[in-house]
Amino acid sequence: MNKQQKALLSARDDASYILEPLIVNGSSTGPMRLAKCVERILRASLTDQGLPVSPRTGVKLRGTTLEAEAQRIAAKLIERRGLPAAVAA
């Protein structure tokens, strides 16, 4: 496992840890908004772990984009915990 893979794994755990309670408690965050929240957490976590960061483009990943990872993680969070009733309606 390379440095980027380890950093992404840790960042995914950070996003889950921070956002799962909000989903379980019925936050009115929709899937797209949740993905943006995940993206911000990923950006902060990956930056803290020393991945290359550009002021203009942010964290640079090989083989994926930050947005794609955020959407994938948000989808897994929703799959695991479901959407709150207010959002699903």
PDB file of N, CA and C in Angstrom:
ATOM      1  N   MET A   1       0.853  -1.172   0.000  1.00  0.00           N
ATOM      2  CA  MET A   1       0.000   0.000   0.000  1.00  0.00           C
ATOM      3  C   MET A   1       0.901   1.237   0.000  1.00  0.00           C
ATOM      4  N   ASN A   2       0.682   2.133  -0.960  1.00  0.00           N
ATOM      5  CA  ASN A   2       1.524   3.325  -1.040  1.00  0.00           C
ATOM      6  C   ASN A   2       0.997   4.439  -0.132  1.00  0.00           C
ATOM      7  N   LYS A   3       1.735   5.549  -0.096  1.00  0.00           N
ATOM      8  CA  LYS A   3       1.402   6.663   0.798  1.00  0.00           C
ATOM      9  C   LYS A   3       0.011   7.227   0.499  1.00  0.00           C
ATOM     10  N   GLN A   4      -0.336   7.375  -0.776  1.00  0.00           N
ATOM     11  CA  GLN A   4      -1.649   7.921  -1.136  1.00  0.00           C
ATOM     12  C   GLN A   4      -2.771   6.995  -0.683  1.00  0.00           C
ATOM     13  N   GLN A   5      -2.612   5.699  -0.886  1.00  0.00           N
ATOM     14  CA  GLN A   5      -3.642   4.745  -0.479  1.00  0.00           C
ATOM     15  C   GLN A   5      -3.849   4.761   1.035  1.00  0.00           C
ATOM     16  N   LYS A   6      -2.743   4.827   1.786  1.00  0.00           N
ATOM     17  CA  LYS A   6      -2.849   4.896   3.241  1.00  0.00           C
ATOM     18  C   LYS A   6      -3.538   6.188   3.676  1.00  0.00           C
ATOM     19  N   ALA A   7      -3.181   7.293   3.028  1.00  0.00           N
ATOM     20  CA  ALA A   7      -3.777   8.582   3.366  1.00  0.00           C
ATOM     21  C   ALA A   7      -5.268   8.601   3.045  1.00  0.00           C
ATOM     22  N   LEU A   8      -5.665   8.018   1.899  1.00  0.00           N
ATOM     23  CA  LEU A   8      -7.076   7.952   1.534  1.00  0.00           C
ATOM     24  C   LEU A   8      -7.862   7.079   2.505  1.00  0.00           C
ATOM     25  N   LEU A   9      -7.284   5.978   2.925  1.00  0.00           N
ATOM     26  CA  LEU A   9      -7.950   5.102   3.880  1.00  0.00           C
ATOM     27  C   LEU A   9      -8.203   5.840   5.195  1.00  0.00           C
ATOM     28  N   SER A  10      -7.206   6.549   5.663  1.00  0.00           N
ATOM     29  CA  SER A  10      -7.342   7.312   6.895  1.00  0.00           C
ATOM     30  C   SER A  10      -8.357   8.450   6.722  1.00  0.00           C
ATOM     31  N   ALA A  11      -8.326   9.115   5.559  1.00  0.00           N
ATOM     32  CA  ALA A  11      -9.260  10.212   5.290  1.00  0.00           C
ATOM     33  C   ALA A  11     -10.694   9.699   5.221  1.00  0.00           C
ATOM     34  N   ARG A  12     -10.899   8.526   4.641  1.00  0.00           N
ATOM     35  CA  ARG A  12     -12.240   7.927   4.604  1.00  0.00           C
ATOM     36  C   ARG A  12     -12.749   7.658   6.016  1.00  0.00           C
ATOM     37  N   ASP A  13     -11.866   7.156   6.865  1.00  0.00           N
ATOM     38  CA  ASP A  13     -12.243   6.910   8.254  1.00  0.00           C
ATOM     39  C   ASP A  13     -12.611   8.216   8.959  1.00  0.00           C
ATOM     40  N   ASP A  14     -11.845   9.277   8.691  1.00  0.00           N
ATOM     41  CA  ASP A  14     -12.147  10.586   9.272  1.00  0.00           C
ATOM     42  C   ASP A  14     -13.530  11.060   8.849  1.00  0.00           C
ATOM     43  N   ALA A  15     -13.832  10.946   7.569  1.00  0.00           N
ATOM     44  CA  ALA A  15     -15.127  11.396   7.050  1.00  0.00           C
ATOM     45  C   ALA A  15     -16.265  10.591   7.670  1.00  0.00           C
ATOM     46  N   SER A  16     -16.100   9.295   7.765  1.00  0.00           N
ATOM     47  CA  SER A  16     -17.128   8.458   8.375  1.00  0.00           C
ATOM     48  C   SER A  16     -17.336   8.819   9.835  1.00  0.00           C
ATOM     49  N   TYR A  17     -16.252   8.997  10.548  1.00  0.00           N
ATOM     50  CA  TYR A  17     -16.322   9.311  11.970  1.00  0.00           C
ATOM     51  C   TYR A  17     -17.046  10.638  12.211  1.00  0.00           C
ATOM     52  N   ILE A  18     -16.774  11.613  11.373  1.00  0.00           N
ATOM     53  CA  ILE A  18     -17.364  12.939  11.555  1.00  0.00           C
ATOM     54  C   ILE A  18     -18.814  12.988  11.084  1.00  0.00           C
ATOM     55  N   LEU A  19     -19.121  12.345   9.964  1.00  0.00           N
ATOM     56  CA  LEU A  19     -20.434  12.527   9.351  1.00  0.00           C
ATOM     57  C   LEU A  19     -21.486  11.487   9.724  1.00  0.00           C
ATOM     58  N   GLU A  20     -21.106  10.285  10.111  1.00  0.00           N
ATOM     59  CA  GLU A  20     -22.108   9.266  10.436  1.00  0.00           C
ATOM     60  C   GLU A  20     -23.073   9.708  11.535  1.00  0.00           C
ATOM     61  N   PRO A  21     -22.605  10.338  12.615  1.00  0.00           N
ATOM     62  CA  PRO A  21     -23.573  10.781  13.631  1.00  0.00           C
ATOM     63  C   PRO A  21     -24.597  11.774  13.087  1.00  0.00           C
ATOM     64  N   LEU A  22     -24.185  12.611  12.170  1.00  0.00           N
ATOM     65  CA  LEU A  22     -25.119  13.574  11.583  1.00  0.00           C
ATOM     66  C   LEU A  22     -26.188  12.867  10.760  1.00  0.00           C
ATOM     67  N   ILE A  23     -25.779  11.840  10.037  1.00  0.00           N
ATOM     68  CA  ILE A  23     -26.732  11.093   9.211  1.00  0.00           C
ATOM     69  C   ILE A  23     -27.699  10.325  10.102  1.00  0.00           C
ATOM     70  N   VAL A  24     -27.177   9.669  11.121  1.00  0.00           N
ATOM     71  CA  VAL A  24     -28.000   8.869  12.022  1.00  0.00           C
ATOM     72  C   VAL A  24     -29.002   9.750  12.775  1.00  0.00           C
ATOM     73  N   ASN A  25     -28.579  10.958  13.144  1.00  0.00           N
ATOM     74  CA  ASN A  25     -29.448  11.854  13.908  1.00  0.00           C
ATOM     75  C   ASN A  25     -30.415  12.639  13.039  1.00  0.00           C
ATOM     76  N   GLY A  26     -30.482  12.321  11.759  1.00  0.00           N
ATOM     77  CA  GLY A  26     -31.494  12.927  10.903  1.00  0.00           C
ATOM     78  C   GLY A  26     -31.128  14.269  10.311  1.00  0.00           C
ATOM     79  N   SER A  27     -29.870  14.515  10.089  1.00  0.00           N
ATOM     80  CA  SER A  27     -29.475  15.762   9.437  1.00  0.00           C
ATOM     81  C   SER A  27     -30.165  15.866   8.086  1.00  0.00           C
ATOM     82  N   SER A  28     -30.508  17.060   7.683  1.00  0.00           N
ATOM     83  CA  SER A  28     -31.228  17.246   6.419  1.00  0.00           C
ATOM     84  C   SER A  28     -30.278  17.395   5.230  1.00  0.00           C
ATOM     85  N   THR A  29     -29.117  16.822   5.336  1.00  0.00           N
ATOM     86  CA  THR A  29     -28.132  16.885   4.266  1.00  0.00           C
ATOM     87  C   THR A  29     -28.485  15.900   3.159  1.00  0.00           C
ATOM     88  N   GLY A  30     -28.608  16.400   1.934  1.00  0.00           N
ATOM     89  CA  GLY A  30     -28.872  15.543   0.792  1.00  0.00           C
ATOM     90  C   GLY A  30     -27.586  14.912   0.283  1.00  0.00           C
ATOM     91  N   PRO A  31     -27.688  13.986  -0.666  1.00  0.00           N
ATOM     92  CA  PRO A  31     -26.497  13.285  -1.162  1.00  0.00           C
ATOM     93  C   PRO A  31     -25.418  14.205  -1.746  1.00  0.00           C
ATOM     94  N   MET A  32     -25.827  15.219  -2.502  1.00  0.00           N
ATOM     95  CA  MET A  32     -24.823  16.109  -3.104  1.00  0.00           C
ATOM     96  C   MET A  32     -24.151  16.981  -2.041  1.00  0.00           C
ATOM     97  N   ARG A  33     -24.929  17.445  -1.107  1.00  0.00           N
ATOM     98  CA  ARG A  33     -24.368  18.268  -0.032  1.00  0.00           C
ATOM     99  C   ARG A  33     -23.455  17.427   0.855  1.00  0.00           C
ATOM    100  N   LEU A  34     -23.844  16.192   1.091  1.00  0.00           N
ATOM    101  CA  LEU A  34     -23.018  15.283   1.872  1.00  0.00           C
ATOM    102  C   LEU A  34     -21.676  15.061   1.180  1.00  0.00           C
ATOM    103  N   ALA A  35     -21.692  14.919  -0.138  1.00  0.00           N
ATOM    104  CA  ALA A  35     -20.450  14.729  -0.898  1.00  0.00           C
ATOM    105  C   ALA A  35     -19.534  15.941  -0.747  1.00  0.00           C
ATOM    106  N   LYS A  36     -20.095  17.143  -0.729  1.00  0.00           N
ATOM    107  CA  LYS A  36     -19.276  18.353  -0.539  1.00  0.00           C
ATOM    108  C   LYS A  36     -18.672  18.382   0.861  1.00  0.00           C
ATOM    109  N   CYS A  37     -19.425  17.942   1.869  1.00  0.00           N
ATOM    110  CA  CYS A  37     -18.899  17.859   3.230  1.00  0.00           C
ATOM    111  C   CYS A  37     -17.748  16.858   3.299  1.00  0.00           C
ATOM    112  N   VAL A  38     -17.944  15.716   2.667  1.00  0.00           N
ATOM    113  CA  VAL A  38     -16.901  14.684   2.631  1.00  0.00           C
ATOM    114  C   VAL A  38     -15.658  15.230   1.933  1.00  0.00           C
ATOM    115  N   GLU A  39     -15.863  15.961   0.840  1.00  0.00           N
ATOM    116  CA  GLU A  39     -14.728  16.521   0.096  1.00  0.00           C
ATOM    117  C   GLU A  39     -13.900  17.455   0.982  1.00  0.00           C
ATOM    118  N   ARG A  40     -14.546  18.280   1.765  1.00  0.00           N
ATOM    119  CA  ARG A  40     -13.816  19.193   2.657  1.00  0.00           C
ATOM    120  C   ARG A  40     -13.020  18.421   3.707  1.00  0.00           C
ATOM    121  N   ILE A  41     -13.637  17.384   4.249  1.00  0.00           N
ATOM    122  CA  ILE A  41     -12.937  16.569   5.250  1.00  0.00           C
ATOM    123  C   ILE A  41     -11.743  15.858   4.608  1.00  0.00           C
ATOM    124  N   LEU A  42     -11.940  15.312   3.413  1.00  0.00           N
ATOM    125  CA  LEU A  42     -10.840  14.646   2.702  1.00  0.00           C
ATOM    126  C   LEU A  42      -9.695  15.612   2.447  1.00  0.00           C
ATOM    127  N   ARG A  43     -10.038  16.794   1.969  1.00  0.00           N
ATOM    128  CA  ARG A  43      -9.010  17.800   1.657  1.00  0.00           C
ATOM    129  C   ARG A  43      -8.175  18.107   2.903  1.00  0.00           C
ATOM    130  N   ALA A  44      -8.830  18.328   4.037  1.00  0.00           N
ATOM    131  CA  ALA A  44      -8.115  18.639   5.278  1.00  0.00           C
ATOM    132  C   ALA A  44      -7.280  17.452   5.752  1.00  0.00           C
ATOM    133  N   SER A  45      -7.867  16.270   5.722  1.00  0.00           N
ATOM    134  CA  SER A  45      -7.176  15.083   6.202  1.00  0.00           C
ATOM    135  C   SER A  45      -5.961  14.743   5.332  1.00  0.00           C
ATOM    136  N   LEU A  46      -6.137  14.794   4.022  1.00  0.00           N
ATOM    137  CA  LEU A  46      -5.030  14.474   3.116  1.00  0.00           C
ATOM    138  C   LEU A  46      -3.914  15.504   3.216  1.00  0.00           C
ATOM    139  N   THR A  47      -4.282  16.771   3.383  1.00  0.00           N
ATOM    140  CA  THR A  47      -3.286  17.819   3.548  1.00  0.00           C
ATOM    141  C   THR A  47      -2.488  17.587   4.826  1.00  0.00           C
ATOM    142  N   ASP A  48      -3.186  17.228   5.902  1.00  0.00           N
ATOM    143  CA  ASP A  48      -2.511  16.958   7.174  1.00  0.00           C
ATOM    144  C   ASP A  48      -1.537  15.789   7.068  1.00  0.00           C
ATOM    145  N   GLN A  49      -1.812  14.867   6.158  1.00  0.00           N
ATOM    146  CA  GLN A  49      -0.961  13.692   6.011  1.00  0.00           C
ATOM    147  C   GLN A  49       0.188  13.913   5.031  1.00  0.00           C
ATOM    148  N   GLY A  50       0.321  15.128   4.529  1.00  0.00           N
ATOM    149  CA  GLY A  50       1.479  15.469   3.725  1.00  0.00           C
ATOM    150  C   GLY A  50       1.395  15.169   2.246  1.00  0.00           C
ATOM    151  N   LEU A  51       0.204  14.928   1.716  1.00  0.00           N
ATOM    152  CA  LEU A  51       0.103  14.742   0.267  1.00  0.00           C
ATOM    153  C   LEU A  51       0.317  16.084  -0.420  1.00  0.00           C
ATOM    154  N   PRO A  52       0.846  16.082  -1.640  1.00  0.00           N
ATOM    155  CA  PRO A  52       1.130  17.340  -2.333  1.00  0.00           C
ATOM    156  C   PRO A  52      -0.130  18.189  -2.499  1.00  0.00           C
ATOM    157  N   VAL A  53      -0.010  19.460  -2.144  1.00  0.00           N
ATOM    158  CA  VAL A  53      -1.147  20.369  -2.229  1.00  0.00           C
ATOM    159  C   VAL A  53      -0.755  21.580  -3.058  1.00  0.00           C
ATOM    160  N   SER A  54      -1.629  21.935  -3.970  1.00  0.00           N
ATOM    161  CA  SER A  54      -1.441  23.125  -4.791  1.00  0.00           C
ATOM    162  C   SER A  54      -2.474  24.155  -4.357  1.00  0.00           C
ATOM    163  N   PRO A  55      -2.078  25.404  -4.186  1.00  0.00           N
ATOM    164  CA  PRO A  55      -3.061  26.423  -3.779  1.00  0.00           C
ATOM    165  C   PRO A  55      -4.219  26.545  -4.764  1.00  0.00           C
ATOM    166  N   ARG A  56      -3.961  26.316  -6.028  1.00  0.00           N
ATOM    167  CA  ARG A  56      -4.998  26.477  -7.049  1.00  0.00           C
ATOM    168  C   ARG A  56      -5.864  25.235  -7.202  1.00  0.00           C
ATOM    169  N   THR A  57      -5.265  24.061  -7.200  1.00  0.00           N
ATOM    170  CA  THR A  57      -6.033  22.844  -7.460  1.00  0.00           C
ATOM    171  C   THR A  57      -6.241  21.970  -6.229  1.00  0.00           C
ATOM    172  N   GLY A  58      -5.590  22.279  -5.128  1.00  0.00           N
ATOM    173  CA  GLY A  58      -5.758  21.478  -3.912  1.00  0.00           C
ATOM    174  C   GLY A  58      -4.914  20.224  -3.938  1.00  0.00           C
ATOM    175  N   VAL A  59      -5.408  19.180  -3.289  1.00  0.00           N
ATOM    176  CA  VAL A  59      -4.690  17.918  -3.184  1.00  0.00           C
ATOM    177  C   VAL A  59      -4.658  17.235  -4.546  1.00  0.00           C
ATOM    178  N   LYS A  60      -3.489  16.733  -4.921  1.00  0.00           N
ATOM    179  CA  LYS A  60      -3.344  16.029  -6.198  1.00  0.00           C
ATOM    180  C   LYS A  60      -3.298  14.535  -5.923  1.00  0.00           C
ATOM    181  N   LEU A  61      -4.191  13.803  -6.588  1.00  0.00           N
ATOM    182  CA  LEU A  61      -4.258  12.359  -6.424  1.00  0.00           C
ATOM    183  C   LEU A  61      -3.943  11.680  -7.750  1.00  0.00           C
ATOM    184  N   ARG A  62      -3.350  10.494  -7.667  1.00  0.00           N
ATOM    185  CA  ARG A  62      -3.094   9.704  -8.870  1.00  0.00           C
ATOM    186  C   ARG A  62      -4.221   8.702  -9.043  1.00  0.00           C
ATOM    187  N   GLY A  63      -4.784   8.639 -10.239  1.00  0.00           N
ATOM    188  CA  GLY A  63      -5.778   7.620 -10.545  1.00  0.00           C
ATOM    189  C   GLY A  63      -7.198   7.947 -10.137  1.00  0.00           C
ATOM    190  N   THR A  64      -7.417   9.055  -9.461  1.00  0.00           N
ATOM    191  CA  THR A  64      -8.765   9.446  -9.057  1.00  0.00           C
ATOM    192  C   THR A  64      -8.772  10.950  -8.796  1.00  0.00           C
ATOM    193  N   THR A  65      -9.932  11.471  -8.539  1.00  0.00           N
ATOM    194  CA  THR A  65     -10.035  12.886  -8.172  1.00  0.00           C
ATOM    195  C   THR A  65     -10.636  12.976  -6.779  1.00  0.00           C
ATOM    196  N   LEU A  66     -10.423  14.091  -6.156  1.00  0.00           N
ATOM    197  CA  LEU A  66     -10.978  14.315  -4.833  1.00  0.00           C
ATOM    198  C   LEU A  66     -12.504  14.258  -4.869  1.00  0.00           C
ATOM    199  N   GLU A  67     -13.085  14.829  -5.920  1.00  0.00           N
ATOM    200  CA  GLU A  67     -14.542  14.842  -6.059  1.00  0.00           C
ATOM    201  C   GLU A  67     -15.090  13.425  -6.209  1.00  0.00           C
ATOM    202  N   ALA A  68     -14.427  12.604  -7.008  1.00  0.00           N
ATOM    203  CA  ALA A  68     -14.873  11.220  -7.213  1.00  0.00           C
ATOM    204  C   ALA A  68     -14.793  10.424  -5.916  1.00  0.00           C
ATOM    205  N   GLU A  69     -13.714  10.596  -5.164  1.00  0.00           N
ATOM    206  CA  GLU A  69     -13.576   9.908  -3.882  1.00  0.00           C
ATOM    207  C   GLU A  69     -14.656  10.366  -2.910  1.00  0.00           C
ATOM    208  N   ALA A  70     -14.920  11.671  -2.884  1.00  0.00           N
ATOM    209  CA  ALA A  70     -15.938  12.211  -1.979  1.00  0.00           C
ATOM    210  C   ALA A  70     -17.321  11.651  -2.312  1.00  0.00           C
ATOM    211  N   GLN A  71     -17.652  11.580  -3.590  1.00  0.00           N
ATOM    212  CA  GLN A  71     -18.951  11.043  -3.986  1.00  0.00           C
ATOM    213  C   GLN A  71     -19.070   9.565  -3.642  1.00  0.00           C
ATOM    214  N   ARG A  72     -17.995   8.829  -3.821  1.00  0.00           N
ATOM    215  CA  ARG A  72     -18.001   7.405  -3.506  1.00  0.00           C
ATOM    216  C   ARG A  72     -18.178   7.181  -2.003  1.00  0.00           C
ATOM    217  N   ILE A  73     -17.472   7.960  -1.204  1.00  0.00           N
ATOM    218  CA  ILE A  73     -17.575   7.835   0.252  1.00  0.00           C
ATOM    219  C   ILE A  73     -18.966   8.246   0.725  1.00  0.00           C
ATOM    220  N   ALA A  74     -19.498   9.336   0.176  1.00  0.00           N
ATOM    221  CA  ALA A  74     -20.851   9.782   0.547  1.00  0.00           C
ATOM    222  C   ALA A  74     -21.877   8.707   0.206  1.00  0.00           C
ATOM    223  N   ALA A  75     -21.739   8.084  -0.956  1.00  0.00           N
ATOM    224  CA  ALA A  75     -22.668   7.022  -1.347  1.00  0.00           C
ATOM    225  C   ALA A  75     -22.593   5.844  -0.382  1.00  0.00           C
ATOM    226  N   LYS A  76     -21.385   5.492   0.061  1.00  0.00           N
ATOM    227  CA  LYS A  76     -21.235   4.383   1.008  1.00  0.00           C
ATOM    228  C   LYS A  76     -21.832   4.740   2.367  1.00  0.00           C
ATOM    229  N   LEU A  77     -21.663   5.995   2.794  1.00  0.00           N
ATOM    230  CA  LEU A  77     -22.255   6.424   4.059  1.00  0.00           C
ATOM    231  C   LEU A  77     -23.779   6.323   4.001  1.00  0.00           C
ATOM    232  N   ILE A  78     -24.348   6.766   2.904  1.00  0.00           N
ATOM    233  CA  ILE A  78     -25.804   6.708   2.736  1.00  0.00           C
ATOM    234  C   ILE A  78     -26.264   5.259   2.653  1.00  0.00           C
ATOM    235  N   GLU A  79     -25.504   4.438   1.950  1.00  0.00           N
ATOM    236  CA  GLU A  79     -25.846   3.017   1.820  1.00  0.00           C
ATOM    237  C   GLU A  79     -25.845   2.333   3.179  1.00  0.00           C
ATOM    238  N   ARG A  80     -24.844   2.674   3.994  1.00  0.00           N
ATOM    239  CA  ARG A  80     -24.720   2.056   5.309  1.00  0.00           C
ATOM    240  C   ARG A  80     -25.770   2.554   6.296  1.00  0.00           C
ATOM    241  N   ARG A  81     -26.019   3.853   6.269  1.00  0.00           N
ATOM    242  CA  ARG A  81     -26.894   4.458   7.269  1.00  0.00           C
ATOM    243  C   ARG A  81     -28.248   4.890   6.733  1.00  0.00           C
ATOM    244  N   GLY A  82     -28.384   4.959   5.409  1.00  0.00           N
ATOM    245  CA  GLY A  82     -29.643   5.409   4.820  1.00  0.00           C
ATOM    246  C   GLY A  82     -29.791   6.911   4.911  1.00  0.00           C
ATOM    247  N   LEU A  83     -30.664   7.456   4.088  1.00  0.00           N
ATOM    248  CA  LEU A  83     -30.944   8.880   4.145  1.00  0.00           C
ATOM    249  C   LEU A  83     -31.903   9.157   5.295  1.00  0.00           C
ATOM    250  N   PRO A  84     -31.771  10.319   5.941  1.00  0.00           N
ATOM    251  CA  PRO A  84     -32.766  10.681   6.937  1.00  0.00           C
ATOM    252  C   PRO A  84     -34.144  10.761   6.299  1.00  0.00           C
ATOM    253  N   ALA A  85     -35.189  10.493   7.065  1.00  0.00           N
ATOM    254  CA  ALA A  85     -36.554  10.454   6.541  1.00  0.00           C
ATOM    255  C   ALA A  85     -36.941  11.750   5.850  1.00  0.00           C
ATOM    256  N   ALA A  86     -36.520  12.878   6.377  1.00  0.00           N
ATOM    257  CA  ALA A  86     -36.886  14.177   5.787  1.00  0.00           C
ATOM    258  C   ALA A  86     -36.299  14.340   4.404  1.00  0.00           C
ATOM    259  N   VAL A  87     -35.107  13.810   4.173  1.00  0.00           N
ATOM    260  CA  VAL A  87     -34.452  13.933   2.871  1.00  0.00           C
ATOM    261  C   VAL A  87     -35.011  12.906   1.901  1.00  0.00           C
ATOM    262  N   ALA A  88     -35.280  11.720   2.389  1.00  0.00           N
ATOM    263  CA  ALA A  88     -35.755  10.641   1.522  1.00  0.00           C
ATOM    264  C   ALA A  88     -37.159  10.922   0.980  1.00  0.00           C
ATOM    265  N   ALA A  89     -37.960  11.692   1.704  1.00  0.00           N
ATOM    266  CA  ALA A  89     -39.343  11.969   1.288  1.00  0.00           C
ATOM    267  C   ALA A  89     -39.444  12.869   0.084  1.00  0.00           C
TER     268      ALA A  89
END
